[in-house]
Amino acid sequence: MGHFSKFIKPGARRISTQASNTRLSATAFENINGETVAVLMNENDSKEEVSLSVDGKSMMLVLPEHSIATIITD
């Protein structure tokens, strides 16, 4: 819950999210200050690669096995 309550602020709205890797779970929100917060979860027994695109900017991430990552963009 910490990944959600610490970075996703009251009044945030959920935005469309799609992970490039179907073995991962992902969700994203836009805070009222304009930040985009994406939370990615890897429940697998191996590391997983994922491509994250927000507002025309893309990045590649490697999530370790059994991990959760929070990415914040302005």
Foldseek 3Di string as FASTA:
>chain_A
DCLCDVPADPPWAWDDDDKPDPQKDKTWTAHPVGKIKMKIFHQDQAKDWIWDDDPRDIDIDIGGHGDMDIDIDD
